[in-house]
Amino acid sequence: MENPFETGHIKNYILFYIGIVLIMILFFIASSLFNDIKTVDKRKFDTNITKQNDSTLQKNKINNTNLKFKLLPNAY
């Protein structure tokens, strides 16, 4: 096997490495140029607390009692 340092092939290895790095840099630049940055609107949350009336609470309780699994009355 020949030593690449003695035969002058090291120049080819260095040029190959530089070519790969340049291709990576070009892809990075191309992806950053065509990447559109979207502006996100600031969200406002409703700070007014609305109370649920009794009919919706009763419907929720009725729906909870028709569950497939029954919970234990005491937590262990």
N, C-alpha and C. Protein backbone atom coordinates (compact mmCIF):
# COMPACT_ATOMS: atom_id res chain seq x y z
N MET A 1 0.84 -1.17 0.00
CA MET A 1 0.00 0.00 0.00
C MET A 1 0.89 1.24 0.00
N GLU A 2 0.53 2.19 -0.78
CA GLU A 2 1.34 3.40 -0.91
C GLU A 2 0.94 4.43 0.15
N ASN A 3 1.93 5.16 0.60
CA ASN A 3 1.68 6.21 1.56
C ASN A 3 1.19 7.45 0.81
N PRO A 4 0.00 7.97 1.12
CA PRO A 4 -0.51 9.13 0.38
C PRO A 4 0.32 10.40 0.60
N PHE A 5 1.03 10.46 1.71
CA PHE A 5 1.85 11.64 1.96
C PHE A 5 3.08 11.67 1.05
N GLU A 6 3.58 10.52 0.70
CA GLU A 6 4.78 10.47 -0.12
C GLU A 6 4.47 10.55 -1.62
N THR A 7 3.32 10.04 -2.05
CA THR A 7 3.02 10.00 -3.48
C THR A 7 2.29 11.23 -3.98
N GLY A 8 1.91 12.13 -3.12
CA GLY A 8 1.26 13.36 -3.55
C GLY A 8 -0.26 13.25 -3.64
N HIS A 9 -0.82 12.14 -3.17
CA HIS A 9 -2.27 11.99 -3.21
C HIS A 9 -2.97 12.79 -2.11
N ILE A 10 -2.22 13.28 -1.17
CA ILE A 10 -2.83 14.04 -0.06
C ILE A 10 -3.54 15.28 -0.58
N LYS A 11 -3.03 15.82 -1.68
CA LYS A 11 -3.68 17.00 -2.27
C LYS A 11 -5.09 16.66 -2.71
N ASN A 12 -5.29 15.48 -3.27
CA ASN A 12 -6.63 15.06 -3.69
C ASN A 12 -7.57 14.89 -2.50
N TYR A 13 -7.06 14.34 -1.39
CA TYR A 13 -7.88 14.18 -0.19
C TYR A 13 -8.29 15.53 0.38
N ILE A 14 -7.37 16.45 0.41
CA ILE A 14 -7.67 17.80 0.94
C ILE A 14 -8.68 18.51 0.04
N LEU A 15 -8.52 18.41 -1.28
CA LEU A 15 -9.48 19.03 -2.19
C LEU A 15 -10.87 18.40 -2.06
N PHE A 16 -10.90 17.08 -1.87
CA PHE A 16 -12.18 16.40 -1.68
C PHE A 16 -12.86 16.90 -0.40
N TYR A 17 -12.11 17.01 0.69
CA TYR A 17 -12.65 17.49 1.97
C TYR A 17 -13.14 18.93 1.83
N ILE A 18 -12.37 19.78 1.18
CA ILE A 18 -12.79 21.18 0.99
C ILE A 18 -14.04 21.25 0.13
N GLY A 19 -14.14 20.40 -0.87
CA GLY A 19 -15.34 20.37 -1.71
C GLY A 19 -16.58 19.99 -0.93
N ILE A 20 -16.46 18.99 -0.05
CA ILE A 20 -17.60 18.58 0.78
C ILE A 20 -18.02 19.70 1.72
N VAL A 21 -17.05 20.38 2.33
CA VAL A 21 -17.37 21.49 3.24
C VAL A 21 -18.04 22.62 2.47
N LEU A 22 -17.58 22.93 1.27
CA LEU A 22 -18.20 23.99 0.47
C LEU A 22 -19.64 23.63 0.08
N ILE A 23 -19.86 22.38 -0.26
CA ILE A 23 -21.23 21.95 -0.58
C ILE A 23 -22.14 22.09 0.64
N MET A 24 -21.64 21.73 1.82
CA MET A 24 -22.44 21.88 3.03
C MET A 24 -22.75 23.34 3.30
N ILE A 25 -21.78 24.22 3.12
CA ILE A 25 -21.99 25.65 3.34
C ILE A 25 -23.00 26.20 2.34
N LEU A 26 -22.91 25.77 1.07
CA LEU A 26 -23.86 26.24 0.06
C LEU A 26 -25.28 25.78 0.36
N PHE A 27 -25.43 24.54 0.81
CA PHE A 27 -26.77 24.06 1.17
C PHE A 27 -27.32 24.83 2.37
N PHE A 28 -26.46 25.14 3.34
CA PHE A 28 -26.92 25.91 4.49
C PHE A 28 -27.37 27.30 4.07
N ILE A 29 -26.62 27.95 3.21
CA ILE A 29 -26.99 29.30 2.74
C ILE A 29 -28.28 29.24 1.93
N ALA A 30 -28.41 28.24 1.06
CA ALA A 30 -29.62 28.11 0.25
C ALA A 30 -30.84 27.85 1.11
N SER A 31 -30.70 27.02 2.13
CA SER A 31 -31.86 26.73 2.99
C SER A 31 -32.24 27.93 3.83
N SER A 32 -31.27 28.75 4.23
CA SER A 32 -31.60 29.92 5.04
C SER A 32 -32.17 31.05 4.17
N LEU A 33 -31.82 31.11 2.90
CA LEU A 33 -32.36 32.15 2.02
C LEU A 33 -33.82 31.89 1.68
N PHE A 34 -34.17 30.64 1.43
CA PHE A 34 -35.52 30.31 1.00
C PHE A 34 -36.43 29.97 2.16
N ASN A 35 -35.96 30.06 3.37
CA ASN A 35 -36.78 29.76 4.53
C ASN A 35 -37.54 31.02 4.93
N ASP A 36 -38.87 31.00 4.78
CA ASP A 36 -39.69 32.14 5.16
C ASP A 36 -40.00 32.07 6.64
N ILE A 37 -39.70 33.14 7.34
CA ILE A 37 -39.97 33.20 8.76
C ILE A 37 -41.36 33.77 8.95
N LYS A 38 -42.22 32.99 9.58
CA LYS A 38 -43.59 33.41 9.81
C LYS A 38 -43.68 34.20 11.11
N THR A 39 -44.45 35.28 11.08
CA THR A 39 -44.67 36.04 12.29
C THR A 39 -45.87 35.45 13.01
N VAL A 40 -45.74 35.28 14.29
CA VAL A 40 -46.79 34.69 15.10
C VAL A 40 -47.49 35.80 15.86
N ASP A 41 -48.82 35.85 15.72
CA ASP A 41 -49.58 36.86 16.43
C ASP A 41 -49.65 36.49 17.91
N LYS A 42 -49.62 37.51 18.74
CA LYS A 42 -49.69 37.29 20.17
C LYS A 42 -51.13 36.94 20.53
N ARG A 43 -51.29 35.89 21.28
CA ARG A 43 -52.62 35.43 21.66
C ARG A 43 -53.08 36.12 22.92
N LYS A 44 -54.37 36.43 22.94
CA LYS A 44 -54.98 36.98 24.14
C LYS A 44 -55.94 35.96 24.70
N PHE A 45 -55.83 35.72 25.97
CA PHE A 45 -56.71 34.77 26.63
C PHE A 45 -57.85 35.53 27.28
N ASP A 46 -58.99 34.87 27.27
CA ASP A 46 -60.17 35.48 27.87
C ASP A 46 -60.03 35.44 29.38
N THR A 47 -60.01 36.61 29.99
CA THR A 47 -59.84 36.67 31.44
C THR A 47 -61.17 36.70 32.17
N ASN A 48 -62.27 36.81 31.44
CA ASN A 48 -63.58 36.79 32.07
C ASN A 48 -63.97 35.35 32.38
N ILE A 49 -64.22 35.08 33.64
CA ILE A 49 -64.58 33.74 34.07
C ILE A 49 -66.10 33.62 34.01
N THR A 50 -66.57 32.65 33.28
CA THR A 50 -68.02 32.45 33.18
C THR A 50 -68.39 31.25 34.05
N LYS A 51 -69.47 31.38 34.77
CA LYS A 51 -69.94 30.30 35.64
C LYS A 51 -70.82 29.36 34.84
N GLN A 52 -70.68 28.09 35.11
CA GLN A 52 -71.54 27.11 34.46
C GLN A 52 -72.85 27.02 35.23
N ASN A 53 -73.92 26.93 34.49
CA ASN A 53 -75.20 26.81 35.18
C ASN A 53 -75.40 25.37 35.61
N ASP A 54 -76.41 25.15 36.42
CA ASP A 54 -76.64 23.83 37.03
C ASP A 54 -76.97 22.77 36.01
N SER A 55 -77.62 23.14 34.92
CA SER A 55 -78.01 22.12 33.94
C SER A 55 -76.78 21.49 33.27
N THR A 56 -75.76 22.29 32.96
CA THR A 56 -74.55 21.72 32.35
C THR A 56 -73.78 20.88 33.35
N LEU A 57 -73.79 21.27 34.64
CA LEU A 57 -73.13 20.47 35.66
C LEU A 57 -73.82 19.13 35.83
N GLN A 58 -75.14 19.12 35.79
CA GLN A 58 -75.88 17.87 35.93
C GLN A 58 -75.64 16.97 34.73
N LYS A 59 -75.55 17.54 33.53
CA LYS A 59 -75.27 16.73 32.35
C LYS A 59 -73.89 16.10 32.45
N ASN A 60 -72.93 16.86 32.97
CA ASN A 60 -71.58 16.32 33.14
C ASN A 60 -71.57 15.18 34.15
N LYS A 61 -72.35 15.32 35.23
CA LYS A 61 -72.41 14.26 36.23
C LYS A 61 -73.08 13.02 35.67
N ILE A 62 -74.12 13.22 34.86
CA ILE A 62 -74.81 12.08 34.26
C ILE A 62 -73.88 11.36 33.30
N ASN A 63 -73.14 12.10 32.52
CA ASN A 63 -72.20 11.48 31.58
C ASN A 63 -71.09 10.73 32.31
N ASN A 64 -70.68 11.25 33.46
CA ASN A 64 -69.62 10.59 34.23
C ASN A 64 -70.10 9.31 34.89
N THR A 65 -71.41 9.22 35.21
CA THR A 65 -71.91 8.01 35.86
C THR A 65 -72.08 6.88 34.87
N ASN A 66 -72.15 7.14 33.59
CA ASN A 66 -72.32 6.11 32.58
C ASN A 66 -71.00 5.59 32.06
N LEU A 67 -69.95 5.74 32.84
CA LEU A 67 -68.64 5.28 32.41
C LEU A 67 -68.54 3.76 32.47
N LYS A 68 -67.62 3.23 31.72
CA LYS A 68 -67.42 1.78 31.66
C LYS A 68 -66.79 1.26 32.95
N PHE A 69 -65.93 2.06 33.56
CA PHE A 69 -65.24 1.65 34.77
C PHE A 69 -65.77 2.45 35.95
N LYS A 70 -65.85 1.79 37.09
CA LYS A 70 -66.33 2.46 38.30
C LYS A 70 -65.13 2.72 39.21
N LEU A 71 -65.05 3.92 39.74
CA LEU A 71 -63.96 4.27 40.64
C LEU A 71 -64.26 3.78 42.04
N LEU A 72 -63.22 3.53 42.80
CA LEU A 72 -63.39 3.11 44.18
C LEU A 72 -63.82 4.29 45.03
N PRO A 73 -64.63 4.06 46.04
CA PRO A 73 -65.07 5.19 46.88
C PRO A 73 -63.95 5.76 47.73
N ASN A 74 -62.96 4.94 48.08
CA ASN A 74 -61.86 5.41 48.90
C ASN A 74 -60.55 5.30 48.12
N ALA A 75 -59.70 6.30 48.29
CA ALA A 75 -58.39 6.25 47.66
C ALA A 75 -57.41 5.60 48.62
N TYR A 76 -56.62 4.68 48.13
CA TYR A 76 -55.64 4.00 48.97
C TYR A 76 -54.26 4.44 48.64
